[in-house]
Amino acid sequence: AFDGMEVPVTIDYEDDGSFTIEVGVPPTAELIKDEAGFDTGSGEPQENFVADLSIDQLKKIAKQKSSDLLAYDTKNAAKEVAGTCVTLGVTIEGEDARTFKARVDGGDYDDQFAEA
């Protein structure tokens, strides 16, 4: 899923020569940039937007990142990802990510985030 991306790696080395390798999930910002197809975020994220994500793309990122987030479901994980979108200057479904988060809280996207 993370082919070609830099990912965090932890190597635990034991005195007996054994070791374990743990491959982590890339930072949320990197997943967003890869999914939306841009290299750097906006220098003015409140005014200049660099990309737009669909709900499906947002859900995909939220699912990829879920093991590292505090959220207990995809809906709340998507809200955390949307917070990163705010700082990068990325819109969601053509609207500011802050507006998206408010609409999620209002139940506008309950059908899209219903757990199957």
PDB file of N, CA and C in Angstrom:
ATOM      1  N   ALA A   1       0.822  -1.208   0.000  1.00  0.00           N
ATOM      2  CA  ALA A   1       0.000   0.000   0.000  1.00  0.00           C
ATOM      3  C   ALA A   1       0.860   1.264   0.000  1.00  0.00           C
ATOM      4  N   PHE A   2       2.076   1.156   0.491  1.00  0.00           N
ATOM      5  CA  PHE A   2       2.939   2.331   0.602  1.00  0.00           C
ATOM      6  C   PHE A   2       4.132   2.258  -0.348  1.00  0.00           C
ATOM      7  N   ASP A   3       3.958   1.558  -1.464  1.00  0.00           N
ATOM      8  CA  ASP A   3       5.018   1.375  -2.443  1.00  0.00           C
ATOM      9  C   ASP A   3       5.576   2.720  -2.903  1.00  0.00           C
ATOM     10  N   GLY A   4       6.885   2.884  -2.776  1.00  0.00           N
ATOM     11  CA  GLY A   4       7.559   4.093  -3.224  1.00  0.00           C
ATOM     12  C   GLY A   4       7.568   5.220  -2.212  1.00  0.00           C
ATOM     13  N   MET A   5       6.948   5.013  -1.052  1.00  0.00           N
ATOM     14  CA  MET A   5       6.905   6.054  -0.023  1.00  0.00           C
ATOM     15  C   MET A   5       7.917   5.744   1.076  1.00  0.00           C
ATOM     16  N   GLU A   6       8.415   6.799   1.702  1.00  0.00           N
ATOM     17  CA  GLU A   6       9.261   6.617   2.873  1.00  0.00           C
ATOM     18  C   GLU A   6       8.373   6.287   4.058  1.00  0.00           C
ATOM     19  N   VAL A   7       8.742   5.260   4.796  1.00  0.00           N
ATOM     20  CA  VAL A   7       7.972   4.855   5.967  1.00  0.00           C
ATOM     21  C   VAL A   7       8.897   4.769   7.171  1.00  0.00           C
ATOM     22  N   PRO A   8       8.376   5.028   8.366  1.00  0.00           N
ATOM     23  CA  PRO A   8       9.200   4.874   9.562  1.00  0.00           C
ATOM     24  C   PRO A   8       9.461   3.390   9.833  1.00  0.00           C
ATOM     25  N   VAL A   9      10.690   3.074  10.203  1.00  0.00           N
ATOM     26  CA  VAL A   9      11.076   1.692  10.497  1.00  0.00           C
ATOM     27  C   VAL A   9      11.768   1.669  11.851  1.00  0.00           C
ATOM     28  N   THR A  10      11.384   0.700  12.697  1.00  0.00           N
ATOM     29  CA  THR A  10      12.007   0.519  14.004  1.00  0.00           C
ATOM     30  C   THR A  10      12.653  -0.859  14.020  1.00  0.00           C
ATOM     31  N   ILE A  11      13.920  -0.900  14.396  1.00  0.00           N
ATOM     32  CA  ILE A  11      14.638  -2.166  14.503  1.00  0.00           C
ATOM     33  C   ILE A  11      15.057  -2.340  15.951  1.00  0.00           C
ATOM     34  N   ASP A  12      14.600  -3.427  16.575  1.00  0.00           N
ATOM     35  CA  ASP A  12      14.996  -3.754  17.943  1.00  0.00           C
ATOM     36  C   ASP A  12      16.017  -4.875  17.874  1.00  0.00           C
ATOM     37  N   TYR A  13      17.199  -4.594  18.408  1.00  0.00           N
ATOM     38  CA  TYR A  13      18.304  -5.548  18.373  1.00  0.00           C
ATOM     39  C   TYR A  13      18.533  -6.083  19.773  1.00  0.00           C
ATOM     40  N   GLU A  14      18.609  -7.393  19.913  1.00  0.00           N
ATOM     41  CA  GLU A  14      18.827  -8.034  21.214  1.00  0.00           C
ATOM     42  C   GLU A  14      20.282  -8.466  21.350  1.00  0.00           C
ATOM     43  N   ASP A  15      20.727  -8.662  22.579  1.00  0.00           N
ATOM     44  CA  ASP A  15      22.113  -9.055  22.846  1.00  0.00           C
ATOM     45  C   ASP A  15      22.475 -10.404  22.225  1.00  0.00           C
ATOM     46  N   ASP A  16      21.498 -11.268  22.048  1.00  0.00           N
ATOM     47  CA  ASP A  16      21.783 -12.589  21.479  1.00  0.00           C
ATOM     48  C   ASP A  16      21.883 -12.562  19.951  1.00  0.00           C
ATOM     49  N   GLY A  17      21.769 -11.379  19.355  1.00  0.00           N
ATOM     50  CA  GLY A  17      21.891 -11.248  17.914  1.00  0.00           C
ATOM     51  C   GLY A  17      20.556 -11.261  17.175  1.00  0.00           C
ATOM     52  N   SER A  18      19.498 -11.565  17.883  1.00  0.00           N
ATOM     53  CA  SER A  18      18.186 -11.557  17.231  1.00  0.00           C
ATOM     54  C   SER A  18      17.684 -10.117  17.111  1.00  0.00           C
ATOM     55  N   PHE A  19      16.770  -9.934  16.198  1.00  0.00           N
ATOM     56  CA  PHE A  19      16.222  -8.597  16.012  1.00  0.00           C
ATOM     57  C   PHE A  19      14.812  -8.691  15.448  1.00  0.00           C
ATOM     58  N   THR A  20      14.073  -7.616  15.621  1.00  0.00           N
ATOM     59  CA  THR A  20      12.744  -7.504  15.022  1.00  0.00           C
ATOM     60  C   THR A  20      12.690  -6.189  14.259  1.00  0.00           C
ATOM     61  N   ILE A  21      11.996  -6.223  13.156  1.00  0.00           N
ATOM     62  CA  ILE A  21      11.822  -5.030  12.322  1.00  0.00           C
ATOM     63  C   ILE A  21      10.345  -4.698  12.289  1.00  0.00           C
ATOM     64  N   GLU A  22      10.028  -3.454  12.594  1.00  0.00           N
ATOM     65  CA  GLU A  22       8.638  -2.999  12.568  1.00  0.00           C
ATOM     66  C   GLU A  22       8.521  -1.858  11.567  1.00  0.00           C
ATOM     67  N   VAL A  23       7.674  -2.055  10.567  1.00  0.00           N
ATOM     68  CA  VAL A  23       7.464  -1.036   9.549  1.00  0.00           C
ATOM     69  C   VAL A  23       6.195  -0.272   9.916  1.00  0.00           C
ATOM     70  N   GLY A  24       6.320   1.035  10.019  1.00  0.00           N
ATOM     71  CA  GLY A  24       5.197   1.867  10.411  1.00  0.00           C
ATOM     72  C   GLY A  24       4.441   2.435   9.216  1.00  0.00           C
ATOM     73  N   VAL A  25       3.499   3.285   9.539  1.00  0.00           N
ATOM     74  CA  VAL A  25       2.673   3.953   8.536  1.00  0.00           C
ATOM     75  C   VAL A  25       3.261   5.343   8.301  1.00  0.00           C
ATOM     76  N   PRO A  26       3.327   5.804   7.060  1.00  0.00           N
ATOM     77  CA  PRO A  26       3.854   7.138   6.784  1.00  0.00           C
ATOM     78  C   PRO A  26       3.034   8.216   7.508  1.00  0.00           C
ATOM     79  N   PRO A  27       3.607   9.396   7.702  1.00  0.00           N
ATOM     80  CA  PRO A  27       2.853  10.491   8.306  1.00  0.00           C
ATOM     81  C   PRO A  27       1.597  10.804   7.487  1.00  0.00           C
ATOM     82  N   THR A  28       0.575  11.283   8.160  1.00  0.00           N
ATOM     83  CA  THR A  28      -0.697  11.601   7.510  1.00  0.00           C
ATOM     84  C   THR A  28      -0.508  12.560   6.341  1.00  0.00           C
ATOM     85  N   ALA A  29       0.323  13.563   6.534  1.00  0.00           N
ATOM     86  CA  ALA A  29       0.548  14.551   5.470  1.00  0.00           C
ATOM     87  C   ALA A  29       1.106  13.889   4.216  1.00  0.00           C
ATOM     88  N   GLU A  30       1.989  12.927   4.378  1.00  0.00           N
ATOM     89  CA  GLU A  30       2.553  12.227   3.220  1.00  0.00           C
ATOM     90  C   GLU A  30       1.496  11.397   2.503  1.00  0.00           C
ATOM     91  N   LEU A  31       0.622  10.753   3.266  1.00  0.00           N
ATOM     92  CA  LEU A  31      -0.456   9.978   2.641  1.00  0.00           C
ATOM     93  C   LEU A  31      -1.394  10.886   1.849  1.00  0.00           C
ATOM     94  N   ILE A  32      -1.694  12.055   2.402  1.00  0.00           N
ATOM     95  CA  ILE A  32      -2.560  13.011   1.710  1.00  0.00           C
ATOM     96  C   ILE A  32      -1.892  13.496   0.430  1.00  0.00           C
ATOM     97  N   LYS A  33      -0.615  13.876   0.533  1.00  0.00           N
ATOM     98  CA  LYS A  33       0.097  14.368  -0.649  1.00  0.00           C
ATOM     99  C   LYS A  33       0.170  13.299  -1.734  1.00  0.00           C
ATOM    100  N   ASP A  34       0.406  12.062  -1.343  1.00  0.00           N
ATOM    101  CA  ASP A  34       0.477  10.978  -2.321  1.00  0.00           C
ATOM    102  C   ASP A  34      -0.887  10.740  -2.969  1.00  0.00           C
ATOM    103  N   GLU A  35      -1.933  10.719  -2.185  1.00  0.00           N
ATOM    104  CA  GLU A  35      -3.283  10.449  -2.708  1.00  0.00           C
ATOM    105  C   GLU A  35      -3.778  11.577  -3.607  1.00  0.00           C
ATOM    106  N   ALA A  36      -3.480  12.828  -3.216  1.00  0.00           N
ATOM    107  CA  ALA A  36      -3.972  13.982  -3.979  1.00  0.00           C
ATOM    108  C   ALA A  36      -3.035  14.375  -5.118  1.00  0.00           C
ATOM    109  N   GLY A  37      -1.806  13.875  -5.093  1.00  0.00           N
ATOM    110  CA  GLY A  37      -0.874  14.125  -6.187  1.00  0.00           C
ATOM    111  C   GLY A  37      -0.208  15.485  -6.185  1.00  0.00           C
ATOM    112  N   PHE A  38       0.250  15.953  -5.020  1.00  0.00           N
ATOM    113  CA  PHE A  38       1.014  17.192  -4.966  1.00  0.00           C
ATOM    114  C   PHE A  38       2.224  16.995  -4.069  1.00  0.00           C
ATOM    115  N   ASP A  39       3.211  17.910  -4.196  1.00  0.00           N
ATOM    116  CA  ASP A  39       4.474  17.747  -3.472  1.00  0.00           C
ATOM    117  C   ASP A  39       4.566  18.540  -2.182  1.00  0.00           C
ATOM    118  N   THR A  40       4.051  19.757  -2.179  1.00  0.00           N
ATOM    119  CA  THR A  40       4.127  20.588  -0.971  1.00  0.00           C
ATOM    120  C   THR A  40       2.781  21.235  -0.690  1.00  0.00           C
ATOM    121  N   GLY A  41       2.539  21.463   0.581  1.00  0.00           N
ATOM    122  CA  GLY A  41       1.301  22.106   0.987  1.00  0.00           C
ATOM    123  C   GLY A  41       1.323  23.586   0.652  1.00  0.00           C
ATOM    124  N   SER A  42       0.208  24.231   0.901  1.00  0.00           N
ATOM    125  CA  SER A  42       0.064  25.657   0.626  1.00  0.00           C
ATOM    126  C   SER A  42       0.807  26.472   1.669  1.00  0.00           C
ATOM    127  N   GLY A  43       1.439  27.553   1.225  1.00  0.00           N
ATOM    128  CA  GLY A  43       2.073  28.485   2.159  1.00  0.00           C
ATOM    129  C   GLY A  43       1.033  29.324   2.883  1.00  0.00           C
ATOM    130  N   GLU A  44      -0.165  29.393   2.329  1.00  0.00           N
ATOM    131  CA  GLU A  44      -1.288  30.120   2.918  1.00  0.00           C
ATOM    132  C   GLU A  44      -2.515  29.205   2.896  1.00  0.00           C
ATOM    133  N   PRO A  45      -2.549  28.188   3.787  1.00  0.00           N
ATOM    134  CA  PRO A  45      -3.594  27.169   3.707  1.00  0.00           C
ATOM    135  C   PRO A  45      -5.010  27.684   3.957  1.00  0.00           C
ATOM    136  N   GLN A  46      -5.135  28.865   4.535  1.00  0.00           N
ATOM    137  CA  GLN A  46      -6.468  29.421   4.770  1.00  0.00           C
ATOM    138  C   GLN A  46      -7.046  30.045   3.502  1.00  0.00           C
ATOM    139  N   GLU A  47      -6.154  30.402   2.561  1.00  0.00           N
ATOM    140  CA  GLU A  47      -6.585  31.148   1.379  1.00  0.00           C
ATOM    141  C   GLU A  47      -6.313  30.428   0.058  1.00  0.00           C
ATOM    142  N   ASN A  48      -5.161  29.789  -0.043  1.00  0.00           N
ATOM    143  CA  ASN A  48      -4.766  29.122  -1.283  1.00  0.00           C
ATOM    144  C   ASN A  48      -4.791  27.614  -1.084  1.00  0.00           C
ATOM    145  N   PHE A  49      -5.622  26.946  -1.868  1.00  0.00           N
ATOM    146  CA  PHE A  49      -5.761  25.504  -1.742  1.00  0.00           C
ATOM    147  C   PHE A  49      -4.979  24.818  -2.860  1.00  0.00           C
ATOM    148  N   VAL A  50      -4.317  23.709  -2.513  1.00  0.00           N
ATOM    149  CA  VAL A  50      -3.438  23.042  -3.476  1.00  0.00           C
ATOM    150  C   VAL A  50      -4.050  21.785  -4.090  1.00  0.00           C
ATOM    151  N   ALA A  51      -5.079  21.240  -3.455  1.00  0.00           N
ATOM    152  CA  ALA A  51      -5.678  20.001  -3.962  1.00  0.00           C
ATOM    153  C   ALA A  51      -7.052  19.797  -3.337  1.00  0.00           C
ATOM    154  N   ASP A  52      -7.765  18.826  -3.880  1.00  0.00           N
ATOM    155  CA  ASP A  52      -9.084  18.478  -3.377  1.00  0.00           C
ATOM    156  C   ASP A  52      -9.172  16.958  -3.248  1.00  0.00           C
ATOM    157  N   LEU A  53      -9.686  16.475  -2.132  1.00  0.00           N
ATOM    158  CA  LEU A  53      -9.872  15.042  -1.921  1.00  0.00           C
ATOM    159  C   LEU A  53     -11.355  14.697  -1.965  1.00  0.00           C
ATOM    160  N   SER A  54     -11.656  13.516  -2.450  1.00  0.00           N
ATOM    161  CA  SER A  54     -13.025  13.016  -2.397  1.00  0.00           C
ATOM    162  C   SER A  54     -13.227  12.316  -1.046  1.00  0.00           C
ATOM    163  N   ILE A  55     -14.460  12.034  -0.716  1.00  0.00           N
ATOM    164  CA  ILE A  55     -14.762  11.297   0.516  1.00  0.00           C
ATOM    165  C   ILE A  55     -14.100   9.924   0.472  1.00  0.00           C
ATOM    166  N   ASP A  56     -14.123   9.272  -0.676  1.00  0.00           N
ATOM    167  CA  ASP A  56     -13.507   7.946  -0.792  1.00  0.00           C
ATOM    168  C   ASP A  56     -12.002   8.006  -0.546  1.00  0.00           C
ATOM    169  N   GLN A  57     -11.341   9.036  -1.071  1.00  0.00           N
ATOM    170  CA  GLN A  57      -9.904   9.189  -0.838  1.00  0.00           C
ATOM    171  C   GLN A  57      -9.624   9.444   0.642  1.00  0.00           C
ATOM    172  N   LEU A  58     -10.447  10.271   1.268  1.00  0.00           N
ATOM    173  CA  LEU A  58     -10.292  10.568   2.687  1.00  0.00           C
ATOM    174  C   LEU A  58     -10.475   9.306   3.526  1.00  0.00           C
ATOM    175  N   LYS A  59     -11.485   8.503   3.192  1.00  0.00           N
ATOM    176  CA  LYS A  59     -11.709   7.246   3.907  1.00  0.00           C
ATOM    177  C   LYS A  59     -10.528   6.294   3.735  1.00  0.00           C
ATOM    178  N   LYS A  60      -9.972   6.235   2.537  1.00  0.00           N
ATOM    179  CA  LYS A  60      -8.832   5.364   2.273  1.00  0.00           C
ATOM    180  C   LYS A  60      -7.652   5.740   3.165  1.00  0.00           C
ATOM    181  N   ILE A  61      -7.362   7.038   3.245  1.00  0.00           N
ATOM    182  CA  ILE A  61      -6.258   7.516   4.091  1.00  0.00           C
ATOM    183  C   ILE A  61      -6.558   7.216   5.558  1.00  0.00           C
ATOM    184  N   ALA A  62      -7.789   7.466   5.983  1.00  0.00           N
ATOM    185  CA  ALA A  62      -8.172   7.224   7.376  1.00  0.00           C
ATOM    186  C   ALA A  62      -7.994   5.747   7.744  1.00  0.00           C
ATOM    187  N   LYS A  63      -8.346   4.853   6.832  1.00  0.00           N
ATOM    188  CA  LYS A  63      -8.182   3.423   7.095  1.00  0.00           C
ATOM    189  C   LYS A  63      -6.705   3.031   7.141  1.00  0.00           C
ATOM    190  N   GLN A  64      -5.898   3.611   6.237  1.00  0.00           N
ATOM    191  CA  GLN A  64      -4.466   3.312   6.234  1.00  0.00           C
ATOM    192  C   GLN A  64      -3.811   3.789   7.536  1.00  0.00           C
ATOM    193  N   LYS A  65      -4.263   4.893   8.054  1.00  0.00           N
ATOM    194  CA  LYS A  65      -3.642   5.531   9.206  1.00  0.00           C
ATOM    195  C   LYS A  65      -4.286   5.130  10.534  1.00  0.00           C
ATOM    196  N   SER A  66      -5.368   4.373  10.493  1.00  0.00           N
ATOM    197  CA  SER A  66      -6.160   4.100  11.695  1.00  0.00           C
ATOM    198  C   SER A  66      -5.367   3.518  12.860  1.00  0.00           C
ATOM    199  N   SER A  67      -4.360   2.712  12.595  1.00  0.00           N
ATOM    200  CA  SER A  67      -3.586   2.108  13.689  1.00  0.00           C
ATOM    201  C   SER A  67      -2.779   3.150  14.471  1.00  0.00           C
ATOM    202  N   ASP A  68      -2.490   4.296  13.872  1.00  0.00           N
ATOM    203  CA  ASP A  68      -1.706   5.336  14.538  1.00  0.00           C
ATOM    204  C   ASP A  68      -2.553   6.473  15.098  1.00  0.00           C
ATOM    205  N   LEU A  69      -3.852   6.456  14.828  1.00  0.00           N
ATOM    206  CA  LEU A  69      -4.715   7.552  15.267  1.00  0.00           C
ATOM    207  C   LEU A  69      -5.431   7.191  16.561  1.00  0.00           C
ATOM    208  N   LEU A  70      -5.925   8.202  17.237  1.00  0.00           N
ATOM    209  CA  LEU A  70      -6.662   7.997  18.486  1.00  0.00           C
ATOM    210  C   LEU A  70      -8.124   7.649  18.249  1.00  0.00           C
ATOM    211  N   ALA A  71      -8.598   7.808  17.048  1.00  0.00           N
ATOM    212  CA  ALA A  71     -10.001   7.584  16.715  1.00  0.00           C
ATOM    213  C   ALA A  71     -10.368   6.111  16.863  1.00  0.00           C
ATOM    214  N   TYR A  72     -11.630   5.873  17.201  1.00  0.00           N
ATOM    215  CA  TYR A  72     -12.110   4.511  17.387  1.00  0.00           C
ATOM    216  C   TYR A  72     -12.936   4.000  16.215  1.00  0.00           C
ATOM    217  N   ASP A  73     -13.178   4.852  15.203  1.00  0.00           N
ATOM    218  CA  ASP A  73     -13.883   4.418  14.009  1.00  0.00           C
ATOM    219  C   ASP A  73     -13.418   5.241  12.808  1.00  0.00           C
ATOM    220  N   THR A  74     -13.836   4.829  11.620  1.00  0.00           N
ATOM    221  CA  THR A  74     -13.397   5.486  10.390  1.00  0.00           C
ATOM    222  C   THR A  74     -13.875   6.932  10.320  1.00  0.00           C
ATOM    223  N   LYS A  75     -15.072   7.186  10.797  1.00  0.00           N
ATOM    224  CA  LYS A  75     -15.628   8.536  10.765  1.00  0.00           C
ATOM    225  C   LYS A  75     -14.741   9.514  11.542  1.00  0.00           C
ATOM    226  N   ASN A  76     -14.358   9.137  12.751  1.00  0.00           N
ATOM    227  CA  ASN A  76     -13.512  10.025  13.558  1.00  0.00           C
ATOM    228  C   ASN A  76     -12.072  10.052  13.059  1.00  0.00           C
ATOM    229  N   ALA A  77     -11.605   8.950  12.486  1.00  0.00           N
ATOM    230  CA  ALA A  77     -10.277   8.948  11.875  1.00  0.00           C
ATOM    231  C   ALA A  77     -10.248   9.913  10.696  1.00  0.00           C
ATOM    232  N   ALA A  78     -11.338   9.944   9.927  1.00  0.00           N
ATOM    233  CA  ALA A  78     -11.427  10.864   8.788  1.00  0.00           C
ATOM    234  C   ALA A  78     -11.396  12.314   9.265  1.00  0.00           C
ATOM    235  N   LYS A  79     -11.998  12.592  10.407  1.00  0.00           N
ATOM    236  CA  LYS A  79     -11.956  13.951  10.953  1.00  0.00           C
ATOM    237  C   LYS A  79     -10.524  14.333  11.348  1.00  0.00           C
ATOM    238  N   GLU A  80      -9.768  13.369  11.873  1.00  0.00           N
ATOM    239  CA  GLU A  80      -8.371  13.646  12.198  1.00  0.00           C
ATOM    240  C   GLU A  80      -7.568  13.930  10.920  1.00  0.00           C
ATOM    241  N   VAL A  81      -7.803  13.152   9.891  1.00  0.00           N
ATOM    242  CA  VAL A  81      -7.129  13.368   8.609  1.00  0.00           C
ATOM    243  C   VAL A  81      -7.528  14.730   8.039  1.00  0.00           C
ATOM    244  N   ALA A  82      -8.798  15.085   8.181  1.00  0.00           N
ATOM    245  CA  ALA A  82      -9.270  16.392   7.706  1.00  0.00           C
ATOM    246  C   ALA A  82      -8.539  17.526   8.413  1.00  0.00           C
ATOM    247  N   GLY A  83      -8.181  17.340   9.669  1.00  0.00           N
ATOM    248  CA  GLY A  83      -7.404  18.345  10.385  1.00  0.00           C
ATOM    249  C   GLY A  83      -6.055  18.587   9.731  1.00  0.00           C
ATOM    250  N   THR A  84      -5.429  17.535   9.242  1.00  0.00           N
ATOM    251  CA  THR A  84      -4.169  17.684   8.522  1.00  0.00           C
ATOM    252  C   THR A  84      -4.405  18.366   7.181  1.00  0.00           C
ATOM    253  N   CYS A  85      -5.539  18.080   6.562  1.00  0.00           N
ATOM    254  CA  CYS A  85      -5.890  18.752   5.297  1.00  0.00           C
ATOM    255  C   CYS A  85      -5.966  20.266   5.491  1.00  0.00           C
ATOM    256  N   VAL A  86      -6.477  20.701   6.639  1.00  0.00           N
ATOM    257  CA  VAL A  86      -6.570  22.140   6.934  1.00  0.00           C
ATOM    258  C   VAL A  86      -5.189  22.770   6.870  1.00  0.00           C
ATOM    259  N   THR A  87      -4.202  22.150   7.503  1.00  0.00           N
ATOM    260  CA  THR A  87      -2.856  22.736   7.557  1.00  0.00           C
ATOM    261  C   THR A  87      -2.121  22.668   6.223  1.00  0.00           C
ATOM    262  N   LEU A  88      -2.511  21.718   5.362  1.00  0.00           N
ATOM    263  CA  LEU A  88      -1.859  21.593   4.052  1.00  0.00           C
ATOM    264  C   LEU A  88      -2.513  22.462   2.980  1.00  0.00           C
ATOM    265  N   GLY A  89      -3.719  22.928   3.229  1.00  0.00           N
ATOM    266  CA  GLY A  89      -4.448  23.681   2.208  1.00  0.00           C
ATOM    267  C   GLY A  89      -5.143  22.766   1.225  1.00  0.00           C
ATOM    268  N   VAL A  90      -5.715  21.674   1.726  1.00  0.00           N
ATOM    269  CA  VAL A  90      -6.421  20.705   0.888  1.00  0.00           C
ATOM    270  C   VAL A  90      -7.910  20.780   1.220  1.00  0.00           C
ATOM    271  N   THR A  91      -8.735  20.860   0.202  1.00  0.00           N
ATOM    272  CA  THR A  91     -10.179  20.867   0.402  1.00  0.00           C
ATOM    273  C   THR A  91     -10.711  19.440   0.322  1.00  0.00           C
ATOM    274  N   ILE A  92     -11.917  19.259   0.824  1.00  0.00           N
ATOM    275  CA  ILE A  92     -12.567  17.953   0.783  1.00  0.00           C
ATOM    276  C   ILE A  92     -13.915  18.137   0.102  1.00  0.00           C
ATOM    277  N   GLU A  93     -14.096  17.430  -1.006  1.00  0.00           N
ATOM    278  CA  GLU A  93     -15.323  17.567  -1.795  1.00  0.00           C
ATOM    279  C   GLU A  93     -15.579  19.032  -2.160  1.00  0.00           C
ATOM    280  N   GLY A  94     -14.501  19.774  -2.430  1.00  0.00           N
ATOM    281  CA  GLY A  94     -14.623  21.155  -2.881  1.00  0.00           C
ATOM    282  C   GLY A  94     -14.845  22.189  -1.798  1.00  0.00           C
ATOM    283  N   GLU A  95     -14.828  21.772  -0.533  1.00  0.00           N
ATOM    284  CA  GLU A  95     -15.034  22.743   0.537  1.00  0.00           C
ATOM    285  C   GLU A  95     -13.905  22.683   1.557  1.00  0.00           C
ATOM    286  N   ASP A  96     -13.766  23.771   2.295  1.00  0.00           N
ATOM    287  CA  ASP A  96     -12.740  23.869   3.326  1.00  0.00           C
ATOM    288  C   ASP A  96     -12.872  22.678   4.291  1.00  0.00           C
ATOM    289  N   ALA A  97     -11.747  22.115   4.698  1.00  0.00           N
ATOM    290  CA  ALA A  97     -11.764  20.938   5.569  1.00  0.00           C
ATOM    291  C   ALA A  97     -12.433  21.230   6.911  1.00  0.00           C
ATOM    292  N   ARG A  98     -12.366  22.463   7.400  1.00  0.00           N
ATOM    293  CA  ARG A  98     -13.046  22.801   8.661  1.00  0.00           C
ATOM    294  C   ARG A  98     -14.563  22.690   8.497  1.00  0.00           C
ATOM    295  N   THR A  99     -15.071  23.117   7.357  1.00  0.00           N
ATOM    296  CA  THR A  99     -16.501  23.000   7.072  1.00  0.00           C
ATOM    297  C   THR A  99     -16.888  21.526   6.986  1.00  0.00           C
ATOM    298  N   PHE A 100     -16.021  20.728   6.366  1.00  0.00           N
ATOM    299  CA  PHE A 100     -16.272  19.291   6.260  1.00  0.00           C
ATOM    300  C   PHE A 100     -16.406  18.662   7.648  1.00  0.00           C
ATOM    301  N   LYS A 101     -15.506  19.011   8.545  1.00  0.00           N
ATOM    302  CA  LYS A 101     -15.549  18.436   9.896  1.00  0.00           C
ATOM    303  C   LYS A 101     -16.850  18.801  10.600  1.00  0.00           C
ATOM    304  N   ALA A 102     -17.305  20.026  10.435  1.00  0.00           N
ATOM    305  CA  ALA A 102     -18.567  20.455  11.044  1.00  0.00           C
ATOM    306  C   ALA A 102     -19.739  19.678  10.448  1.00  0.00           C
ATOM    307  N   ARG A 103     -19.688  19.438   9.141  1.00  0.00           N
ATOM    308  CA  ARG A 103     -20.766  18.686   8.482  1.00  0.00           C
ATOM    309  C   ARG A 103     -20.766  17.222   8.912  1.00  0.00           C
ATOM    310  N   VAL A 104     -19.595  16.663   9.160  1.00  0.00           N
ATOM    311  CA  VAL A 104     -19.523  15.286   9.659  1.00  0.00           C
ATOM    312  C   VAL A 104     -20.175  15.230  11.042  1.00  0.00           C
ATOM    313  N   ASP A 105     -19.844  16.193  11.890  1.00  0.00           N
ATOM    314  CA  ASP A 105     -20.441  16.240  13.223  1.00  0.00           C
ATOM    315  C   ASP A 105     -21.957  16.417  13.146  1.00  0.00           C
ATOM    316  N   GLY A 106     -22.421  17.116  12.134  1.00  0.00           N
ATOM    317  CA  GLY A 106     -23.850  17.333  11.946  1.00  0.00           C
ATOM    318  C   GLY A 106     -24.577  16.142  11.338  1.00  0.00           C
ATOM    319  N   GLY A 107     -23.835  15.100  10.950  1.00  0.00           N
ATOM    320  CA  GLY A 107     -24.450  13.887  10.420  1.00  0.00           C
ATOM    321  C   GLY A 107     -24.618  13.860   8.916  1.00  0.00           C
ATOM    322  N   ASP A 108     -24.083  14.865   8.218  1.00  0.00           N
ATOM    323  CA  ASP A 108     -24.261  14.921   6.764  1.00  0.00           C
ATOM    324  C   ASP A 108     -23.623  13.745   6.017  1.00  0.00           C
ATOM    325  N   TYR A 109     -22.610  13.121   6.597  1.00  0.00           N
ATOM    326  CA  TYR A 109     -21.890  12.045   5.914  1.00  0.00           C
ATOM    327  C   TYR A 109     -22.057  10.691   6.615  1.00  0.00           C
ATOM    328  N   ASP A 110     -23.082  10.541   7.421  1.00  0.00           N
ATOM    329  CA  ASP A 110     -23.272   9.303   8.144  1.00  0.00           C
ATOM    330  C   ASP A 110     -23.365   8.082   7.223  1.00  0.00           C
ATOM    331  N   ASP A 111     -24.025   8.237   6.067  1.00  0.00           N
ATOM    332  CA  ASP A 111     -24.144   7.112   5.132  1.00  0.00           C
ATOM    333  C   ASP A 111     -22.787   6.677   4.601  1.00  0.00           C
ATOM    334  N   GLN A 112     -21.914   7.645   4.266  1.00  0.00           N
ATOM    335  CA  GLN A 112     -20.603   7.313   3.711  1.00  0.00           C
ATOM    336  C   GLN A 112     -19.680   6.679   4.748  1.00  0.00           C
ATOM    337  N   PHE A 113     -19.878   7.013   6.034  1.00  0.00           N
ATOM    338  CA  PHE A 113     -18.990   6.488   7.070  1.00  0.00           C
ATOM    339  C   PHE A 113     -19.619   5.379   7.905  1.00  0.00           C
ATOM    340  N   ALA A 114     -20.744   4.843   7.464  1.00  0.00           N
ATOM    341  CA  ALA A 114     -21.370   3.728   8.167  1.00  0.00           C
ATOM    342  C   ALA A 114     -20.419   2.542   8.095  1.00  0.00           C
ATOM    343  N   GLU A 115     -20.135   1.967   9.236  1.00  0.00           N
ATOM    344  CA  GLU A 115     -19.221   0.813   9.299  1.00  0.00           C
ATOM    345  C   GLU A 115     -19.942  -0.418   8.755  1.00  0.00           C
ATOM    346  N   ALA A 116     -19.280  -1.095   7.846  1.00  0.00           N
ATOM    347  CA  ALA A 116     -19.887  -2.290   7.254  1.00  0.00           C
ATOM    348  C   ALA A 116     -19.439  -3.532   7.979  1.00  0.00           C
TER     349      ALA A 116
END
